[in-house]
Structures are given as structure tokens and as C-alpha cells.
N, C-alpha and C. Protein backbone atom coordinates (compact mmCIF):
# COMPACT_ATOMS: atom_id res chain seq x y z
N UNK A 1 119.77 5.89 163.10
CA UNK A 1 119.25 6.67 162.24
C UNK A 1 117.40 5.44 161.95
N UNK A 2 117.78 4.87 162.32
CA UNK A 2 116.83 3.69 162.14
C UNK A 2 115.78 4.03 163.20
N UNK A 3 116.40 4.51 164.14
CA UNK A 3 114.84 4.36 165.13
C UNK A 3 114.35 5.61 164.99
N UNK A 4 115.10 6.89 164.30
CA UNK A 4 114.44 7.63 164.00
C UNK A 4 113.57 7.87 163.25
N UNK A 5 113.83 6.88 162.18
CA UNK A 5 112.72 6.84 161.02
C UNK A 5 111.91 5.77 161.72
N UNK A 6 112.24 4.82 162.27
CA UNK A 6 110.95 4.43 163.16
C UNK A 6 109.90 4.89 163.45
N UNK A 7 110.67 5.88 164.24
CA UNK A 7 109.72 6.72 165.18
C UNK A 7 108.72 7.61 164.15
N UNK A 8 109.21 8.04 163.25
CA UNK A 8 108.30 8.73 162.25
C UNK A 8 107.83 8.02 161.49
N UNK A 9 108.10 6.60 161.34
CA UNK A 9 107.19 6.01 160.90
C UNK A 9 105.56 5.54 161.63
N UNK A 10 105.88 5.28 163.39
CA UNK A 10 104.91 5.48 164.21
C UNK A 10 104.12 6.04 164.34
N UNK A 11 104.79 7.62 164.06
CA UNK A 11 104.42 8.68 164.25
C UNK A 11 103.31 9.37 162.84
N UNK A 12 103.66 8.66 161.80
CA UNK A 12 102.63 8.54 160.89
C UNK A 12 101.89 7.60 160.74
N UNK A 13 101.79 6.51 161.26
CA UNK A 13 100.73 5.04 161.35
C UNK A 13 99.99 5.91 162.55
N UNK A 14 100.20 6.23 163.55
CA UNK A 14 99.25 7.10 164.67
C UNK A 14 98.57 8.21 163.92
N UNK A 15 99.09 9.10 163.28
CA UNK A 15 98.35 10.13 162.67
C UNK A 15 97.27 9.93 161.54
N UNK A 16 97.96 8.81 161.17
CA UNK A 16 97.22 8.20 160.14
C UNK A 16 95.75 7.51 160.50
N UNK A 17 96.11 6.48 161.76
CA UNK A 17 95.26 5.82 162.69
C UNK A 17 93.89 6.91 163.14
N UNK A 18 94.81 8.37 163.58
CA UNK A 18 93.99 8.58 164.49
C UNK A 18 92.97 9.77 162.92
N UNK A 19 93.38 9.61 162.19
CA UNK A 19 92.76 10.78 161.32
C UNK A 19 91.96 9.68 160.75
N UNK A 20 91.74 8.65 160.36
CA UNK A 20 90.92 7.59 159.82
C UNK A 20 89.99 7.09 160.58
N UNK A 21 90.05 7.33 161.89
CA UNK A 21 89.15 7.25 162.90
C UNK A 21 88.44 8.46 163.12
N UNK A 22 88.86 9.44 163.05
CA UNK A 22 88.62 11.36 162.77
C UNK A 22 87.44 11.17 161.68
N UNK A 23 87.95 10.30 160.69
CA UNK A 23 87.03 10.42 159.22
C UNK A 23 85.95 9.56 159.41
N UNK A 24 86.04 8.26 160.27
CA UNK A 24 84.84 7.33 159.94
C UNK A 24 83.67 8.17 160.94
N UNK A 25 84.75 8.84 162.11
CA UNK A 25 83.69 9.47 163.22
C UNK A 25 82.73 10.31 162.05
N UNK A 26 83.08 11.02 161.88
CA UNK A 26 82.96 12.53 161.00
C UNK A 26 81.71 11.80 159.80
N UNK A 27 82.43 10.50 159.39
CA UNK A 27 81.43 9.71 158.36
C UNK A 27 80.05 9.55 158.43
N UNK A 28 79.86 8.71 160.18
CA UNK A 28 79.00 8.13 160.78
C UNK A 28 78.32 9.35 161.13
N UNK A 29 79.29 10.36 161.94
CA UNK A 29 77.82 11.86 162.52
C UNK A 29 77.16 12.47 161.08
N UNK A 30 77.98 12.60 159.57
CA UNK A 30 77.21 13.09 158.60
C UNK A 30 76.32 12.20 158.10
N UNK A 31 76.14 11.08 158.20
CA UNK A 31 75.52 9.60 157.87
C UNK A 31 74.08 10.00 158.57
N UNK A 32 74.31 10.32 160.10
CA UNK A 32 73.14 10.68 161.08
C UNK A 32 72.45 11.15 160.76
N UNK A 33 73.64 13.02 160.62
CA UNK A 33 72.79 14.00 160.17
C UNK A 33 72.09 14.31 158.81
N UNK A 34 72.43 13.31 158.01
CA UNK A 34 71.64 13.03 156.28
C UNK A 34 70.67 12.59 156.96
N UNK A 35 70.26 11.02 158.18
CA UNK A 35 69.35 10.60 158.09
C UNK A 35 68.08 11.26 159.16
N UNK A 36 68.52 11.98 159.72
CA UNK A 36 68.01 13.07 160.68
C UNK A 36 67.12 14.10 159.46
N UNK A 37 67.80 14.62 158.74
CA UNK A 37 67.58 15.46 157.82
C UNK A 37 66.72 14.99 156.75
N UNK A 38 66.91 13.50 156.24
CA UNK A 38 65.94 13.03 155.48
C UNK A 38 64.70 13.13 156.10
N UNK A 39 64.48 12.13 157.76
CA UNK A 39 63.28 11.81 158.25
C UNK A 39 62.62 13.32 158.63
N UNK A 40 63.55 14.44 158.60
CA UNK A 40 63.24 15.73 159.36
C UNK A 40 61.94 16.00 157.91
N UNK A 41 62.45 15.89 156.31
CA UNK A 41 62.29 16.48 155.35
C UNK A 41 61.23 15.81 155.15
N UNK A 42 60.80 14.35 155.48
CA UNK A 42 59.61 13.62 155.17
C UNK A 42 58.84 14.06 156.28
N UNK A 43 59.14 14.07 157.01
CA UNK A 43 58.16 14.57 158.11
C UNK A 43 57.77 16.45 157.67
N UNK A 44 58.36 16.75 157.29
CA UNK A 44 57.94 18.57 157.03
C UNK A 44 57.35 18.56 155.76
N UNK A 45 58.01 17.65 154.95
CA UNK A 45 56.83 17.56 153.73
C UNK A 45 56.07 16.90 153.40
N UNK A 46 55.61 16.01 154.68
CA UNK A 46 54.09 15.63 155.05
C UNK A 46 53.57 16.84 155.52
N UNK A 47 54.11 17.47 156.08
CA UNK A 47 53.27 18.79 157.20
C UNK A 47 52.78 19.66 156.02
N UNK A 48 54.05 19.94 155.27
CA UNK A 48 54.10 21.18 154.65
C UNK A 48 53.34 20.99 153.35
N UNK A 49 52.84 19.55 153.16
CA UNK A 49 51.81 19.45 151.98
C UNK A 49 50.65 19.47 152.72
N UNK A 50 50.68 19.40 153.95
CA UNK A 50 49.16 19.57 154.75
C UNK A 50 48.68 20.77 154.56
N UNK A 51 49.59 21.36 155.17
CA UNK A 51 49.74 22.86 155.72
C UNK A 51 49.93 23.82 154.26
N UNK A 52 50.20 22.96 152.80
CA UNK A 52 49.95 23.61 151.51
C UNK A 52 48.15 23.26 151.24
N UNK A 53 48.12 22.03 151.20
CA UNK A 53 46.47 21.73 151.16
C UNK A 53 45.89 22.41 151.98
N UNK A 54 45.77 22.82 152.92
CA UNK A 54 45.17 23.71 154.12
C UNK A 54 45.13 25.34 153.30
N UNK A 55 46.23 25.44 153.22
CA UNK A 55 46.71 27.27 153.22
C UNK A 55 45.81 26.94 151.50
N UNK A 56 46.19 26.18 150.55
CA UNK A 56 45.40 26.31 149.23
C UNK A 56 43.66 26.47 149.57
N UNK A 57 43.36 25.69 150.64
CA UNK A 57 42.12 25.42 150.44
C UNK A 57 41.11 26.68 150.82
N UNK A 58 42.16 27.67 151.84
CA UNK A 58 41.94 28.65 152.71
C UNK A 58 41.78 29.81 151.59
N UNK A 59 43.12 29.59 150.67
CA UNK A 59 42.75 30.74 149.42
C UNK A 59 41.74 30.61 148.63
N UNK A 60 41.55 29.20 147.98
CA UNK A 60 40.50 29.09 147.16
C UNK A 60 39.34 29.61 147.91
N UNK A 61 38.83 29.38 149.06
CA UNK A 61 37.53 29.96 149.93
C UNK A 61 37.58 31.44 149.54
N UNK A 62 39.32 31.94 150.04
CA UNK A 62 38.85 33.44 150.11
C UNK A 62 38.78 34.14 148.82
N UNK A 63 39.36 33.23 147.75
CA UNK A 63 39.00 33.68 146.63
C UNK A 63 37.68 33.80 146.09
N UNK A 64 37.43 32.60 146.20
CA UNK A 64 35.89 32.62 145.66
C UNK A 64 35.12 33.25 146.52
N UNK A 65 35.10 33.84 147.72
CA UNK A 65 34.24 35.15 148.50
C UNK A 65 34.88 36.23 147.79
N UNK A 66 35.89 36.73 147.44
CA UNK A 66 36.54 37.67 146.73
C UNK A 66 36.12 38.35 145.39
N UNK A 67 35.88 37.01 144.77
CA UNK A 67 35.06 36.77 143.61
C UNK A 67 33.35 36.97 143.46
N UNK A 68 32.80 36.60 144.33
CA UNK A 68 31.80 36.77 144.76
C UNK A 68 31.39 37.95 144.55
N UNK A 69 32.01 38.68 145.68
CA UNK A 69 31.86 39.92 146.08
C UNK A 69 32.27 40.95 145.29
N UNK A 70 32.82 40.72 144.18
CA UNK A 70 33.39 41.47 142.97
C UNK A 70 32.29 41.46 141.97
N UNK A 71 31.70 40.36 142.36
CA UNK A 71 30.45 39.94 141.12
C UNK A 71 29.54 40.59 141.65
N UNK A 72 28.85 41.07 142.56
CA UNK A 72 28.55 41.24 143.38
C UNK A 72 28.21 42.82 143.00
N UNK A 73 29.53 43.69 143.09
CA UNK A 73 29.81 44.86 143.20
C UNK A 73 29.75 45.42 141.42
N UNK A 74 30.10 44.10 141.07
CA UNK A 74 30.26 44.33 139.13
C UNK A 74 28.67 44.98 138.89
N UNK A 75 27.47 44.17 139.84
CA UNK A 75 26.16 43.88 139.57
C UNK A 75 26.07 45.29 139.41
N UNK A 76 26.12 45.65 141.18
CA UNK A 76 25.51 46.52 141.67
C UNK A 76 25.90 47.69 140.67
N UNK A 77 26.86 48.02 140.51
CA UNK A 77 27.73 49.11 139.41
C UNK A 77 27.28 49.08 138.40
N UNK A 78 27.04 48.04 137.52
CA UNK A 78 26.20 47.73 136.14
C UNK A 78 24.81 48.18 136.06
N UNK A 79 23.98 47.84 137.40
CA UNK A 79 22.54 48.33 137.45
C UNK A 79 22.80 49.65 137.92
N UNK A 80 23.51 50.45 138.50
CA UNK A 80 23.75 52.14 138.97
C UNK A 80 23.89 52.19 137.62
N UNK A 81 24.84 52.15 136.30
CA UNK A 81 25.29 52.93 135.21
C UNK A 81 23.96 52.73 134.77
N UNK A 82 23.18 51.71 134.44
CA UNK A 82 22.25 51.30 133.36
C UNK A 82 20.81 52.85 133.72
N UNK A 83 20.87 52.43 135.35
CA UNK A 83 19.87 53.45 135.84
C UNK A 83 20.40 55.10 135.55
N UNK A 84 21.87 55.57 135.64
CA UNK A 84 22.42 57.05 135.27
C UNK A 84 22.04 57.13 133.99
N UNK A 85 22.08 55.88 132.93
CA UNK A 85 22.25 56.28 131.60
C UNK A 85 20.99 56.46 131.09
N UNK A 86 19.70 55.81 132.30
CA UNK A 86 18.47 55.51 131.87
C UNK A 86 18.07 57.05 132.29
N UNK A 87 18.25 57.46 133.42
CA UNK A 87 18.35 59.05 133.63
C UNK A 87 18.64 60.10 132.70
N UNK A 88 20.30 59.93 132.01
CA UNK A 88 20.83 60.84 131.75
C UNK A 88 20.05 60.76 129.87
N UNK A 89 19.60 59.74 129.52
CA UNK A 89 18.95 59.55 128.28
C UNK A 89 17.42 60.48 127.94
N UNK A 90 16.76 60.45 129.30
CA UNK A 90 15.82 60.66 129.09
C UNK A 90 15.70 61.96 129.85
N UNK A 91 16.51 62.74 130.43
CA UNK A 91 16.88 64.40 130.35
C UNK A 91 17.28 64.72 129.37
N UNK A 92 18.28 63.83 128.67
CA UNK A 92 18.64 64.22 127.20
C UNK A 92 17.28 64.32 126.14
N UNK A 93 16.57 63.61 126.27
CA UNK A 93 14.93 63.64 125.02
C UNK A 93 14.25 64.65 125.55
N UNK A 94 14.68 65.34 126.91
CA UNK A 94 13.60 65.96 127.44
C UNK A 94 14.05 67.26 127.38
N UNK A 95 15.47 67.64 126.90
CA UNK A 95 16.12 68.81 126.87
C UNK A 95 15.92 68.98 125.37
N UNK A 96 16.29 67.94 124.46
CA UNK A 96 16.24 68.04 123.02
C UNK A 96 15.00 68.20 122.78
N UNK A 97 13.97 68.16 123.31
CA UNK A 97 12.40 68.48 122.95
C UNK A 97 11.84 69.50 123.31
N UNK A 98 12.42 70.12 124.58
CA UNK A 98 12.52 71.49 124.54
C UNK A 98 13.02 72.24 123.45
N UNK A 99 14.31 72.04 123.32
CA UNK A 99 15.10 72.48 122.43
C UNK A 99 14.22 72.60 121.01
N UNK A 100 13.65 71.80 120.77
CA UNK A 100 12.92 72.00 119.24
C UNK A 100 11.63 72.26 119.38
N UNK A 101 11.12 72.66 120.28
CA UNK A 101 9.82 73.13 120.41
C UNK A 101 10.17 74.59 120.25
N UNK A 102 11.76 75.24 121.69
CA UNK A 102 11.58 76.45 121.36
C UNK A 102 12.33 76.90 119.68
N UNK A 103 12.56 76.01 119.22
CA UNK A 103 13.38 76.30 118.00
C UNK A 103 12.05 76.82 117.12
N UNK A 104 11.04 75.71 117.11
CA UNK A 104 9.87 75.68 116.17
C UNK A 104 9.44 77.54 116.22
N UNK A 105 9.61 77.36 118.05
CA UNK A 105 8.38 79.15 118.14
C UNK A 105 9.56 80.07 117.68
N UNK A 106 10.73 80.18 117.79
CA UNK A 106 11.68 80.77 117.37
C UNK A 106 11.15 81.38 116.06
N UNK A 107 10.91 80.11 115.46
CA UNK A 107 10.67 79.82 113.74
C UNK A 107 9.80 80.45 113.33
N UNK A 108 8.73 80.16 113.85
CA UNK A 108 7.65 80.45 113.61
C UNK A 108 7.61 81.97 113.94
N UNK A 109 8.13 82.48 115.12
CA UNK A 109 7.93 84.28 115.26
C UNK A 109 8.97 84.87 114.19
N UNK A 110 10.06 84.09 114.11
CA UNK A 110 10.97 84.85 112.84
C UNK A 110 10.05 84.88 111.38
N UNK A 111 9.96 83.57 111.31
CA UNK A 111 8.53 83.98 109.85
C UNK A 111 7.92 84.93 110.07
N UNK A 112 6.78 84.87 111.08
CA UNK A 112 6.08 86.05 111.37
C UNK A 112 6.43 87.47 111.16
N UNK A 113 7.80 87.55 111.63
CA UNK A 113 8.65 88.98 111.49
C UNK A 113 8.69 89.30 109.91
N UNK A 114 9.54 87.78 109.44
CA UNK A 114 9.65 88.00 108.19
C UNK A 114 8.73 88.45 107.10
N UNK A 115 7.30 87.80 107.24
CA UNK A 115 6.30 88.36 106.61
C UNK A 115 5.84 89.86 106.88
N UNK A 116 5.75 89.99 108.26
CA UNK A 116 5.54 91.50 107.91
C UNK A 116 6.63 92.37 107.43
N UNK A 117 7.66 92.09 107.34
CA UNK A 117 8.48 92.96 106.96
C UNK A 117 8.67 92.93 105.49
N UNK A 118 8.04 91.95 104.73
CA UNK A 118 8.01 91.88 103.54
C UNK A 118 6.63 92.70 103.15
N UNK A 119 5.75 92.33 104.12
CA UNK A 119 4.50 93.25 103.80
C UNK A 119 4.80 94.57 104.14
N UNK A 120 5.38 95.12 105.10
CA UNK A 120 5.73 96.41 105.54
C UNK A 120 6.71 97.10 103.62
N UNK A 121 7.40 96.06 103.40
CA UNK A 121 8.47 96.67 101.96
C UNK A 121 7.64 96.57 100.63
N UNK A 122 6.88 95.65 101.06
CA UNK A 122 5.94 95.96 100.00
C UNK A 122 4.91 97.19 99.67
N UNK A 123 4.46 97.66 101.06
CA UNK A 123 3.80 98.69 101.06
C UNK A 123 4.43 100.11 100.79
N UNK A 124 5.45 99.68 101.47
CA UNK A 124 6.50 100.88 101.21
C UNK A 124 6.92 101.17 99.35
N UNK A 125 6.83 100.02 99.04
CA UNK A 125 7.60 100.16 97.72
C UNK A 125 6.03 100.65 96.65
N UNK A 126 4.53 100.25 97.02
CA UNK A 126 3.70 100.44 96.33
C UNK A 126 3.71 102.16 96.60
N UNK A 127 4.04 102.51 97.61
CA UNK A 127 3.53 104.05 97.78
C UNK A 127 4.90 104.66 97.51
N UNK A 128 6.08 104.34 97.00
CA UNK A 128 7.15 105.03 96.45
C UNK A 128 7.11 104.90 94.64
N UNK A 129 6.17 103.79 94.32
CA UNK A 129 5.86 103.64 93.21
C UNK A 129 4.84 104.32 92.49
N UNK A 130 3.89 104.87 93.50
CA UNK A 130 3.04 105.80 93.27
C UNK A 130 3.12 107.21 93.20
N UNK A 131 4.19 107.55 94.23
CA UNK A 131 4.67 108.54 94.45
C UNK A 131 5.40 108.79 93.08
N UNK A 132 6.65 108.16 92.83
CA UNK A 132 7.19 108.55 91.48
C UNK A 132 5.97 108.81 90.24
N UNK A 133 4.95 107.94 90.30
CA UNK A 133 4.13 107.74 89.19
C UNK A 133 3.55 109.32 89.08
N UNK A 134 3.00 109.93 90.12
CA UNK A 134 2.76 111.11 90.18
C UNK A 134 3.52 112.20 90.11
N UNK A 135 4.86 112.16 90.34
CA UNK A 135 5.49 112.71 90.23
C UNK A 135 6.24 113.12 88.79
N UNK A 136 5.93 111.26 87.86
CA UNK A 136 5.99 111.67 86.67
C UNK A 136 4.95 112.17 85.92
N UNK A 137 3.86 111.75 85.91
CA UNK A 137 2.68 112.75 85.50
C UNK A 137 3.11 114.30 85.34
N UNK A 138 2.61 114.76 86.73
CA UNK A 138 3.68 116.05 87.25
C UNK A 138 4.41 116.62 86.13
N UNK A 139 5.38 115.53 86.08
CA UNK A 139 6.92 116.49 85.42
C UNK A 139 6.32 116.11 83.72
N UNK A 140 5.42 115.31 83.55
CA UNK A 140 5.51 115.21 82.01
C UNK A 140 4.45 116.65 81.31
N UNK A 141 3.54 116.70 82.57
CA UNK A 141 2.49 117.39 81.88
C UNK A 141 3.48 119.33 82.04
N UNK A 142 4.34 119.44 82.91
CA UNK A 142 4.67 120.25 82.89
C UNK A 142 5.95 120.48 81.93
N UNK A 143 6.86 119.94 81.52
CA UNK A 143 7.61 119.04 80.65
C UNK A 143 6.92 119.37 79.25
N UNK A 144 5.88 119.23 79.34
CA UNK A 144 4.94 119.46 77.92
C UNK A 144 4.46 120.80 77.62
N UNK A 145 4.40 121.18 78.76
CA UNK A 145 4.18 122.27 78.58
C UNK A 145 5.53 123.38 78.24
N UNK A 146 6.07 123.09 79.01
CA UNK A 146 7.65 123.92 78.73
C UNK A 146 8.00 123.60 77.31
N UNK A 147 8.23 122.52 76.76
CA UNK A 147 8.42 121.99 75.61
C UNK A 147 7.37 122.65 74.12
N UNK A 148 6.29 122.87 74.55
CA UNK A 148 5.26 123.72 73.67
C UNK A 148 5.42 125.06 73.50
N UNK A 149 6.46 125.68 74.90
CA UNK A 149 6.92 126.78 74.81
C UNK A 149 7.92 127.03 74.48
N UNK A 150 8.66 126.09 74.66
CA UNK A 150 10.10 126.17 73.62
C UNK A 150 10.22 126.39 72.07
N UNK A 151 9.19 125.14 71.71
CA UNK A 151 8.89 124.53 70.44
C UNK A 151 8.34 126.42 70.14
N UNK A 152 7.28 126.66 70.50
CA UNK A 152 6.68 128.14 69.88
C UNK A 152 7.59 128.78 69.54
N UNK A 153 8.50 129.43 70.76
CA UNK A 153 9.89 130.33 70.56
C UNK A 153 10.24 129.74 69.99
N UNK A 154 10.72 128.37 69.47
CA UNK A 154 12.19 128.04 68.68
C UNK A 154 11.70 128.83 67.37
N UNK A 155 10.47 128.43 67.23
CA UNK A 155 9.14 128.80 65.75
C UNK A 155 9.57 130.22 65.47
N UNK A 156 9.23 130.90 66.44
CA UNK A 156 9.30 132.16 65.91
C UNK A 156 10.18 132.95 65.83
N UNK A 157 11.36 132.46 66.42
CA UNK A 157 12.60 132.76 66.20
C UNK A 157 13.56 132.80 64.79
N UNK A 158 13.09 131.42 64.08
CA UNK A 158 13.38 130.91 63.20
C UNK A 158 12.34 131.60 61.94
N UNK A 159 11.17 132.09 62.11
CA UNK A 159 10.28 132.73 61.25
C UNK A 159 11.20 134.16 61.03
N UNK A 160 11.24 134.67 62.37
CA UNK A 160 11.70 136.14 62.60
C UNK A 160 13.27 136.41 61.87
N UNK A 161 13.91 135.20 61.84
CA UNK A 161 15.37 135.05 61.37
C UNK A 161 15.64 134.97 59.63
N UNK A 162 14.45 134.23 59.35
CA UNK A 162 14.16 133.77 57.97
C UNK A 162 13.74 135.54 57.63
N UNK A 163 12.70 136.23 58.19
CA UNK A 163 12.35 137.53 57.29
C UNK A 163 13.65 138.11 57.24
N UNK A 164 14.01 138.18 58.49
CA UNK A 164 15.42 138.97 58.55
C UNK A 164 16.07 138.69 57.48
N UNK A 165 16.51 137.59 57.39
CA UNK A 165 17.88 137.33 56.39
C UNK A 165 16.92 137.36 54.99
N UNK A 166 15.98 137.26 54.77
CA UNK A 166 15.46 137.59 53.35
C UNK A 166 15.66 139.42 53.12
N UNK A 167 14.95 140.14 54.04
CA UNK A 167 15.13 141.47 54.02
C UNK A 167 16.49 141.58 53.57
N UNK A 168 17.38 141.17 54.58
CA UNK A 168 19.06 141.95 54.12
C UNK A 168 19.66 141.30 52.82
N UNK A 169 19.07 139.93 52.45
CA UNK A 169 19.08 139.61 51.40
C UNK A 169 18.70 140.63 50.06
N UNK A 170 17.35 140.98 49.99
CA UNK A 170 17.02 142.01 49.45
C UNK A 170 17.60 143.42 49.33
N UNK A 171 17.64 143.69 50.63
CA UNK A 171 18.73 145.03 51.26
C UNK A 171 19.65 144.90 50.52
N UNK A 172 20.90 143.92 50.15
CA UNK A 172 21.81 143.93 49.65
C UNK A 172 21.55 143.87 48.35
N UNK A 173 20.54 143.49 47.68
CA UNK A 173 20.59 143.45 46.19
C UNK A 173 20.44 144.57 45.59
N UNK A 174 19.70 145.45 47.06
CA UNK A 174 18.84 146.79 46.31
C UNK A 174 17.34 146.71 45.96
N UNK A 175 17.42 145.72 46.35
CA UNK A 175 15.45 145.68 46.43
C UNK A 175 14.83 146.14 47.62
N UNK A 176 14.14 146.48 47.61
CA UNK A 176 13.49 146.49 49.36
C UNK A 176 12.08 145.79 48.64
N UNK A 177 11.53 145.93 49.68
CA UNK A 177 10.17 145.34 49.37
C UNK A 177 9.10 146.04 48.61
N UNK A 178 9.18 147.38 48.65
CA UNK A 178 8.17 148.33 47.84
C UNK A 178 8.76 148.12 46.45
N UNK A 179 9.53 148.01 46.23
CA UNK A 179 10.12 148.01 44.49
C UNK A 179 10.08 146.80 43.86
N UNK A 180 9.80 146.05 44.62
CA UNK A 180 9.52 144.50 44.00
C UNK A 180 8.65 144.48 42.98
N UNK A 181 7.48 144.91 43.08
CA UNK A 181 6.16 144.68 42.12
C UNK A 181 5.68 145.98 41.85
N UNK A 182 5.89 146.15 40.39
CA UNK A 182 5.52 147.27 39.40
C UNK A 182 3.56 147.60 39.65
N UNK A 183 3.32 148.35 38.69
CA UNK A 183 1.48 148.37 38.89
C UNK A 183 0.87 147.17 38.34
N UNK A 184 1.71 146.43 37.23
CA UNK A 184 1.33 145.32 36.32
C UNK A 184 1.07 144.19 37.73
N UNK A 185 2.00 144.21 38.69
CA UNK A 185 2.50 143.33 39.28
C UNK A 185 3.58 142.25 39.57
N UNK A 186 4.72 142.49 37.97
CA UNK A 186 5.33 141.96 37.71
C UNK A 186 6.76 142.10 38.62
N UNK A 187 7.71 141.18 39.04
CA UNK A 187 8.68 141.29 39.30
C UNK A 187 9.77 141.99 38.68
N UNK A 188 10.28 142.87 39.12
CA UNK A 188 11.53 143.87 38.22
C UNK A 188 12.77 142.99 38.59
N UNK A 189 12.76 142.54 39.44
CA UNK A 189 14.34 141.92 39.62
C UNK A 189 14.21 141.09 38.69
N UNK A 190 13.10 140.00 38.09
CA UNK A 190 13.64 139.18 37.10
C UNK A 190 13.89 139.66 35.35
N UNK A 191 13.04 140.90 35.27
CA UNK A 191 13.14 141.67 34.04
C UNK A 191 14.42 142.34 34.20
N UNK A 192 15.43 142.52 35.36
CA UNK A 192 16.37 143.63 35.41
C UNK A 192 17.25 142.97 34.83
N UNK A 193 17.02 141.18 35.58
CA UNK A 193 18.30 140.18 35.44
C UNK A 193 18.36 139.66 34.10
N UNK A 194 17.10 139.85 33.09
CA UNK A 194 17.15 139.31 31.95
C UNK A 194 17.99 140.36 30.56
N UNK A 195 17.75 141.98 31.22
CA UNK A 195 18.01 142.57 30.56
C UNK A 195 19.56 142.63 30.56
């Protein structure tokens, strides 16, 4: 049994040594790889720095060029806009002037037409007033003649009615016009009433 245990111890020792050897070798390889990586990184870092500087310089140059182009383009656009605005403003002023002139002319024509219409209306009113005045005069004369005739007729009718009423009253009282006065000229009706 002891030999079995010794054998196991030996194998365990061998395995341990083998493992330590492999671990040492792995450590060496890892260190070497790390150093290489470090060196490479340092070299790459330097190259990267240079490349970055180069790229940044190129980018700056490109951006500067593009900025100059953009400024130039903006200047052209501004100038073009100013020119168009000037043309539009001038056209607007001209159009406004034409519109104002047309409005003045139209207003003048309208005023003239209004004056003419007013003059025509006044003339028509004068004519109508004259005709109305003439008609009123004719009507007044005609009315005066008619009124005179009516008054005369009414007066005659009143007189006739009064005479008729007097005769009727006298006839009713039994006194005719012939018996009212005697030879002496006295009214018998008064004497009769006194007796």
C-alpha cells in the first residue's frame, strides 16, 4: 500500500512540476506578448499621433477651404438677394406710382361726373320747380274763378232761401206781401197784434 501511495505522490509531484513548468512557460509567453503589445502600442501610438496630426491638418485645411467657399457663396447670395430686393422695391414703387396716378385720374373723372350729375340734377329741379310754380299759378287763377263762382252761387242760394223763408213765414201767419201795408203805410200786423 505504501508503494501505491508513493506512486501517487510521485505522479502528483510530476503533475505539479509539469503544471508549474507550463505555467512558467505561459507566464513567459504572456510577458513576451505583453512586451510586444506594449512596443507595438508605443510604435502605433506614435504612428497614430502622426497620422492623427496629419489627418487633423488635412481636415482643418479642408474645413478652411469649405468655410471660404461657404463665405464666398453666402456673399454671392447676399449680393444677389440685395439686387433682387432692389429690383422688387423699384418695381413696387413704379407700380405704386402707376396705381396712384390711375387712382387720381379715376378720382378726377368721378368728381367731374359727379359735378355733371349735380348740375343736371339742379337744372332738372329748376325746371320742375318752374313747372310746378306755373301749374300753381294756373291752379290758383282757376281756383279763384271757381271759388268766386261758388261763393256767388252760395250767396244767391242763401238770399233765395231767406226770401223763400220770409214768404213762407208770412204766408203761415196769413200775411201776404200786399196786405202788410195800408194806405197810410203802417204795418197792420203790429196793430193786429196790439189789439
